[in-house]
Amino acid sequence: MDLSKQMYIVGIGEVLWDMLPEGKQLGGAPANFAHHVAQCAMPAYLVSAVGDDALGEEIRSTLAEKKGLKTLIHTVSQPTGTVEVKLDEQGVPQYDICENVAWDNIPFTPEMEELAKHTVVVCFGTLAQRSEVSRKTIESFVAAMYEEAVKVCDINLRGNYYTAEIVESSLKMADTVKVNREELEEVCRLVGIEYTDMHSVARVLIDNYGLDMLVVTCGTEGSFVYCQDENASCLPTPKVEVVDTVGAGDAFTAVFVSGMLGGLEVRWAHALAVEAAAHVCTQAGATPDLPDDIRERV
């Protein structure tokens, strides 16, 4: 792996197949994030693991076709991850996530440590930390990054695959956190913060964990970006014809991060992120192509 002097935006964690009603689609929040970062012409890397099986080979070949996306995908003895996805009448997904799969067992290697030293932004979630192996790998990757690099935690509380310890340690590792409103209440419960109202607890979380930013998405009711300087960006959610909402949050995170790195002010990066998430909701699956105008403005 010749990294030279290039710096990368890395998604680390689960890569898997979403088994949707219309067929399987590549998924996993870090994979979706890295895919959309690459679409924004930013140097993107995906770090994960697949099994020594046909589904793993198909993931490798699918990722190889994605322009601008580099990968560090380890092959392990566990099977490639899959998720059964069922959609309700509003296109909101419900997940049945297979356990003890490849992305639960991502090894930390010298090659990965070298990549961490060339990472300007990493995005990790709570789901990939459900297993001790991948949790330690994520922690080691973040620890190997240089101090000024940006650590983004996308809180994704699924089923019973999280604990207070995982959430607390993730908040401590991160300087930017993204969470939806329902998860925000659960996060507060887990870390012992009384939930009063969204704006107040957002400020408490920023202060308690020294966060630079906290992003809260509220579905059809808009989204908020809270910063240390108390300024908040608040934007409504566009009304669109929803096919499904799978991956919309990952597109939001990717475009927001890419916009900020591209030099946009918070409010403009936020606006592009909202547009990207709305577009993904109009398409099937988590990784549709983003419109040219969004990518060009990033």
Protein backbone atom coordinates (compact mmCIF):
# COMPACT_ATOMS: atom_id res chain seq x y z
CA MET A 1 0.00 0.00 0.00
CA ASP A 2 1.79 3.11 -1.27
CA LEU A 3 0.23 6.03 0.58
CA SER A 4 2.96 8.59 -0.24
CA LYS A 5 1.80 11.96 1.10
CA GLN A 6 -1.92 11.53 0.33
CA MET A 7 -4.38 12.06 3.17
CA TYR A 8 -7.65 10.11 3.22
CA ILE A 9 -11.19 10.18 4.54
CA VAL A 10 -11.79 6.73 6.00
CA GLY A 11 -14.93 4.80 6.84
CA ILE A 12 -14.13 1.91 9.18
CA GLY A 13 -16.51 -0.83 10.29
CA GLU A 14 -19.19 -2.94 8.70
CA VAL A 15 -19.50 -3.80 5.01
CA LEU A 16 -22.32 -6.20 4.18
CA TRP A 17 -25.20 -7.08 1.92
CA ASP A 18 -28.55 -5.46 2.68
CA MET A 19 -31.14 -8.08 1.71
CA LEU A 20 -33.91 -5.78 0.50
CA PRO A 21 -37.31 -6.84 -0.85
CA GLU A 22 -36.12 -6.12 -4.43
CA GLY A 23 -32.79 -7.94 -3.98
CA LYS A 24 -29.45 -7.52 -2.25
CA GLN A 25 -27.59 -4.21 -2.21
CA LEU A 26 -24.18 -3.29 -0.86
CA GLY A 27 -24.51 -1.73 2.58
CA GLY A 28 -23.05 -0.98 5.98
CA ALA A 29 -22.81 2.59 7.25
CA PRO A 30 -19.01 2.98 6.81
CA ALA A 31 -19.22 1.52 3.29
CA ASN A 32 -22.08 3.86 2.38
CA PHE A 33 -20.17 6.80 3.87
CA ALA A 34 -16.96 6.02 1.96
CA HIS A 35 -18.88 5.52 -1.30
CA HIS A 36 -20.50 8.95 -1.09
CA VAL A 37 -17.24 10.63 -0.06
CA ALA A 38 -15.64 9.19 -3.20
CA GLN A 39 -18.55 10.53 -5.26
CA CYS A 40 -17.67 13.99 -3.96
CA ALA A 41 -14.19 13.59 -5.49
CA MET A 42 -12.60 13.30 -2.06
CA PRO A 43 -9.88 10.68 -1.37
CA ALA A 44 -11.92 7.92 0.29
CA TYR A 45 -10.90 4.64 1.92
CA LEU A 46 -13.05 1.83 3.31
CA VAL A 47 -11.64 -0.45 6.03
CA SER A 48 -13.55 -3.64 6.84
CA ALA A 49 -13.55 -7.43 6.49
CA VAL A 50 -15.36 -10.07 4.45
CA GLY A 51 -15.47 -13.84 4.55
CA ASP A 52 -13.73 -16.30 2.24
CA ASP A 53 -16.97 -16.91 0.38
CA ALA A 54 -18.94 -15.93 -2.72
CA LEU A 55 -20.63 -12.98 -1.01
CA GLY A 56 -17.24 -11.66 0.05
CA GLU A 57 -15.86 -11.95 -3.46
CA GLU A 58 -18.91 -10.14 -4.78
CA ILE A 59 -18.34 -7.31 -2.30
CA ARG A 60 -14.73 -6.99 -3.46
CA SER A 61 -15.71 -6.89 -7.13
CA THR A 62 -18.53 -4.40 -6.48
CA LEU A 63 -16.23 -2.08 -4.52
CA ALA A 64 -13.53 -2.33 -7.20
CA GLU A 65 -15.96 -0.78 -9.69
CA LYS A 66 -16.57 2.29 -7.52
CA LYS A 67 -14.48 5.15 -8.88
CA GLY A 68 -12.24 6.94 -6.43
CA LEU A 69 -12.83 4.48 -3.57
CA LYS A 70 -9.83 2.64 -2.17
CA THR A 71 -10.30 -0.31 0.17
CA LEU A 72 -8.47 -2.22 2.86
CA ILE A 73 -10.70 -5.28 3.13
CA HIS A 74 -9.38 -8.23 5.10
CA THR A 75 -10.50 -11.79 4.50
CA VAL A 76 -11.34 -13.63 7.73
CA SER A 77 -12.74 -17.04 8.63
CA GLN A 78 -16.21 -15.79 9.56
CA PRO A 79 -18.88 -15.42 6.84
CA THR A 80 -19.55 -12.17 5.01
CA GLY A 81 -22.17 -10.06 6.79
CA THR A 82 -25.78 -9.86 5.68
CA VAL A 83 -28.79 -7.94 6.97
CA GLU A 84 -32.42 -8.74 6.29
CA VAL A 85 -34.13 -5.39 5.65
CA LYS A 86 -37.89 -4.95 5.84
CA LEU A 87 -39.53 -1.64 4.94
CA ASP A 88 -42.65 -0.23 6.55
CA GLU A 89 -45.29 1.76 4.65
CA GLN A 90 -43.19 4.93 4.88
CA GLY A 91 -40.08 3.18 3.53
CA VAL A 92 -38.39 3.18 6.95
CA PRO A 93 -36.19 0.08 7.35
CA GLN A 94 -36.18 -2.52 10.11
CA TYR A 95 -33.01 -4.62 10.36
CA ASP A 96 -32.28 -8.24 11.26
CA ILE A 97 -28.48 -8.25 11.54
CA CYS A 98 -26.57 -11.54 11.43
CA GLU A 99 -24.07 -12.04 14.26
CA ASN A 100 -20.45 -13.24 14.41
CA VAL A 101 -19.75 -12.28 10.82
CA ALA A 102 -16.63 -10.98 9.09
CA TRP A 103 -17.00 -7.31 10.03
CA ASP A 104 -17.20 -8.33 13.69
CA ASN A 105 -13.62 -9.55 13.34
CA ILE A 106 -11.67 -6.78 11.60
CA PRO A 107 -7.98 -7.24 12.53
CA PHE A 108 -5.69 -4.31 13.29
CA THR A 109 -2.63 -4.68 11.08
CA PRO A 110 0.56 -2.69 10.39
CA GLU A 111 -0.96 -1.72 7.03
CA MET A 112 -4.00 -0.32 8.82
CA GLU A 113 -1.82 1.57 11.29
CA GLU A 114 0.02 3.19 8.37
CA LEU A 115 -3.30 4.22 6.81
CA ALA A 116 -4.38 5.78 10.11
CA LYS A 117 -1.32 8.04 9.99
CA HIS A 118 -2.51 9.26 6.57
CA THR A 119 -6.12 9.85 7.60
CA VAL A 120 -7.52 13.36 7.89
CA VAL A 121 -11.06 12.22 8.82
CA VAL A 122 -12.31 8.87 10.10
CA CYS A 123 -15.96 7.94 10.44
CA PHE A 124 -16.85 5.06 12.73
CA GLY A 125 -20.08 3.88 14.32
CA THR A 126 -21.28 2.05 17.39
CA LEU A 127 -22.63 -1.02 15.56
CA ALA A 128 -19.20 -2.29 14.44
CA GLN A 129 -18.09 -2.13 18.08
CA ARG A 130 -20.55 -4.82 19.20
CA SER A 131 -17.64 -7.30 19.07
CA GLU A 132 -14.45 -6.89 21.06
CA VAL A 133 -12.18 -7.55 18.06
CA SER A 134 -13.56 -4.80 15.83
CA ARG A 135 -14.00 -2.44 18.77
CA LYS A 136 -10.30 -2.71 19.65
CA THR A 137 -9.39 -2.25 15.98
CA ILE A 138 -11.40 0.96 15.75
CA GLU A 139 -9.89 2.24 19.00
CA SER A 140 -6.39 1.41 17.76
CA PHE A 141 -7.01 3.10 14.42
CA VAL A 142 -8.23 6.31 16.09
CA ALA A 143 -5.29 6.27 18.52
CA ALA A 144 -2.83 5.99 15.61
CA MET A 145 -4.21 9.10 13.88
CA TYR A 146 -2.52 12.45 14.36
CA GLU A 147 -4.09 14.61 17.04
CA GLU A 148 -5.61 17.25 14.74
CA ALA A 149 -7.36 14.70 12.51
CA VAL A 150 -11.17 14.69 12.70
CA LYS A 151 -12.89 11.75 14.38
CA VAL A 152 -16.57 11.40 13.44
CA CYS A 153 -18.85 9.02 15.32
CA ASP A 154 -22.12 8.15 13.62
CA ILE A 155 -24.24 6.73 16.44
CA ASN A 156 -26.23 3.77 15.10
CA LEU A 157 -28.10 1.96 17.85
CA ARG A 158 -29.43 -1.29 16.42
CA GLY A 159 -31.30 -3.92 18.42
CA ASN A 160 -29.33 -4.85 21.50
CA TYR A 161 -25.94 -4.33 19.82
CA TYR A 162 -24.79 -1.50 22.04
CA THR A 163 -23.95 -0.82 25.66
CA ALA A 164 -23.38 2.23 27.83
CA GLU A 165 -19.65 1.46 27.69
CA ILE A 166 -19.59 1.45 23.87
CA VAL A 167 -21.54 4.71 23.64
CA GLU A 168 -19.47 6.43 26.34
CA SER A 169 -16.13 5.43 24.81
CA SER A 170 -17.32 6.47 21.33
CA LEU A 171 -18.28 9.92 22.57
CA LYS A 172 -14.84 10.25 24.16
CA MET A 173 -13.05 9.20 20.96
CA ALA A 174 -15.00 11.56 18.72
CA ASP A 175 -14.92 15.29 18.18
CA THR A 176 -17.95 15.28 15.86
CA VAL A 177 -21.01 13.14 16.59
CA LYS A 178 -24.08 12.47 14.45
CA VAL A 179 -27.22 11.00 16.01
CA ASN A 180 -30.94 10.94 15.27
CA ARG A 181 -33.42 12.35 17.76
CA GLU A 182 -34.67 8.98 19.02
CA GLU A 183 -31.12 7.78 19.55
CA LEU A 184 -30.25 11.03 21.33
CA GLU A 185 -32.69 10.21 24.12
CA GLU A 186 -31.21 6.73 24.51
CA VAL A 187 -27.66 8.10 24.47
CA CYS A 188 -28.57 10.49 27.29
CA ARG A 189 -30.06 7.64 29.31
CA LEU A 190 -26.96 5.51 28.83
CA VAL A 191 -24.48 8.21 29.88
CA GLY A 192 -26.58 9.54 32.76
CA ILE A 193 -27.81 12.85 31.31
CA GLU A 194 -31.38 13.82 32.10
CA TYR A 195 -33.24 14.39 28.84
CA THR A 196 -35.07 17.69 29.04
CA ASP A 197 -35.18 19.01 25.50
CA MET A 198 -33.03 18.41 22.44
CA HIS A 199 -31.30 21.80 22.43
CA SER A 200 -30.34 21.65 26.10
CA VAL A 201 -28.96 18.11 26.06
CA ALA A 202 -27.06 18.83 22.85
CA ARG A 203 -25.23 21.58 24.69
CA VAL A 204 -24.57 19.29 27.67
CA LEU A 205 -23.10 16.59 25.42
CA ILE A 206 -20.85 19.10 23.66
CA ASP A 207 -19.61 20.45 26.99
CA ASN A 208 -19.24 17.09 28.75
CA TYR A 209 -17.32 15.41 25.92
CA GLY A 210 -15.52 18.38 24.40
CA LEU A 211 -17.22 17.90 21.03
CA ASP A 212 -16.65 20.35 18.19
CA MET A 213 -20.02 19.55 16.65
CA LEU A 214 -23.14 17.53 17.34
CA VAL A 215 -25.45 16.79 14.42
CA VAL A 216 -29.03 15.73 15.20
CA THR A 217 -31.31 14.49 12.43
CA CYS A 218 -35.05 14.47 13.06
CA GLY A 219 -36.48 12.68 10.03
CA THR A 220 -39.18 14.70 8.33
CA GLU A 221 -38.87 17.39 10.99
CA GLY A 222 -35.47 18.68 9.91
CA SER A 223 -31.93 18.52 11.24
CA PHE A 224 -29.66 20.57 13.50
CA VAL A 225 -25.92 21.17 13.69
CA TYR A 226 -24.74 22.39 17.10
CA CYS A 227 -21.25 23.86 17.43
CA GLN A 228 -19.05 24.82 20.36
CA ASP A 229 -19.61 28.52 19.68
CA GLU A 230 -23.33 28.02 20.37
CA ASN A 231 -24.31 28.78 16.76
CA ALA A 232 -26.66 26.16 15.36
CA SER A 233 -27.70 25.47 11.81
CA CYS A 234 -31.32 24.33 11.51
CA LEU A 235 -32.80 23.18 8.21
CA PRO A 236 -36.10 21.58 7.23
CA THR A 237 -36.28 18.23 5.47
CA PRO A 238 -37.31 18.52 1.80
CA LYS A 239 -40.59 16.86 0.85
CA VAL A 240 -39.81 14.06 -1.60
CA GLU A 241 -41.38 10.86 -2.87
CA VAL A 242 -39.75 8.32 -0.55
CA VAL A 243 -38.76 4.93 -1.96
CA ASP A 244 -36.80 3.95 1.15
CA THR A 245 -34.64 5.73 3.71
CA VAL A 246 -31.83 3.14 3.75
CA GLY A 247 -28.46 4.91 3.74
CA ALA A 248 -29.86 8.44 3.78
CA GLY A 249 -28.09 9.27 7.03
CA ASP A 250 -24.79 7.96 5.68
CA ALA A 251 -25.07 10.18 2.60
CA PHE A 252 -25.83 13.11 4.92
CA THR A 253 -22.66 12.46 6.95
CA ALA A 254 -20.46 11.94 3.88
CA VAL A 255 -21.57 15.10 2.10
CA PHE A 256 -21.43 17.17 5.28
CA VAL A 257 -17.85 16.04 6.00
CA SER A 258 -16.81 16.51 2.36
CA GLY A 259 -18.33 19.98 2.27
CA MET A 260 -16.56 21.04 5.45
CA LEU A 261 -13.23 19.75 4.12
CA GLY A 262 -13.94 21.55 0.86
CA GLY A 263 -14.01 24.82 2.78
CA LEU A 264 -17.75 25.39 3.06
CA GLU A 265 -19.24 27.10 6.07
CA VAL A 266 -21.25 24.86 8.39
CA ARG A 267 -24.63 26.06 7.13
CA TRP A 268 -23.75 25.42 3.47
CA ALA A 269 -22.24 22.00 4.15
CA HIS A 270 -25.39 21.23 6.15
CA ALA A 271 -27.62 22.34 3.26
CA LEU A 272 -25.82 20.06 0.81
CA ALA A 273 -26.02 17.17 3.27
CA VAL A 274 -29.78 17.63 3.56
CA GLU A 275 -30.13 17.62 -0.24
CA ALA A 276 -28.05 14.46 -0.55
CA ALA A 277 -30.03 12.60 2.11
CA ALA A 278 -33.32 13.60 0.48
CA HIS A 279 -32.09 12.35 -2.90
CA VAL A 280 -31.08 8.97 -1.46
CA CYS A 281 -34.59 8.63 -0.02
CA THR A 282 -35.99 8.83 -3.58
CA GLN A 283 -33.83 5.91 -4.72
CA ALA A 284 -33.73 2.21 -3.86
CA GLY A 285 -30.79 1.11 -1.74
CA ALA A 286 -28.10 2.92 0.21
CA THR A 287 -25.58 3.92 -2.46
CA PRO A 288 -27.27 5.51 -5.48
CA ASP A 289 -25.34 8.06 -7.54
CA LEU A 290 -25.58 11.59 -6.19
CA PRO A 291 -26.77 14.33 -8.57
CA ASP A 292 -23.99 16.15 -10.41
CA ASP A 293 -24.96 19.53 -8.97
CA ILE A 294 -24.48 18.33 -5.38
CA ARG A 295 -21.10 16.80 -6.14
CA GLU A 296 -19.95 19.92 -8.00
CA ARG A 297 -20.97 22.25 -5.14
CA VAL A 298 -19.06 20.10 -2.65
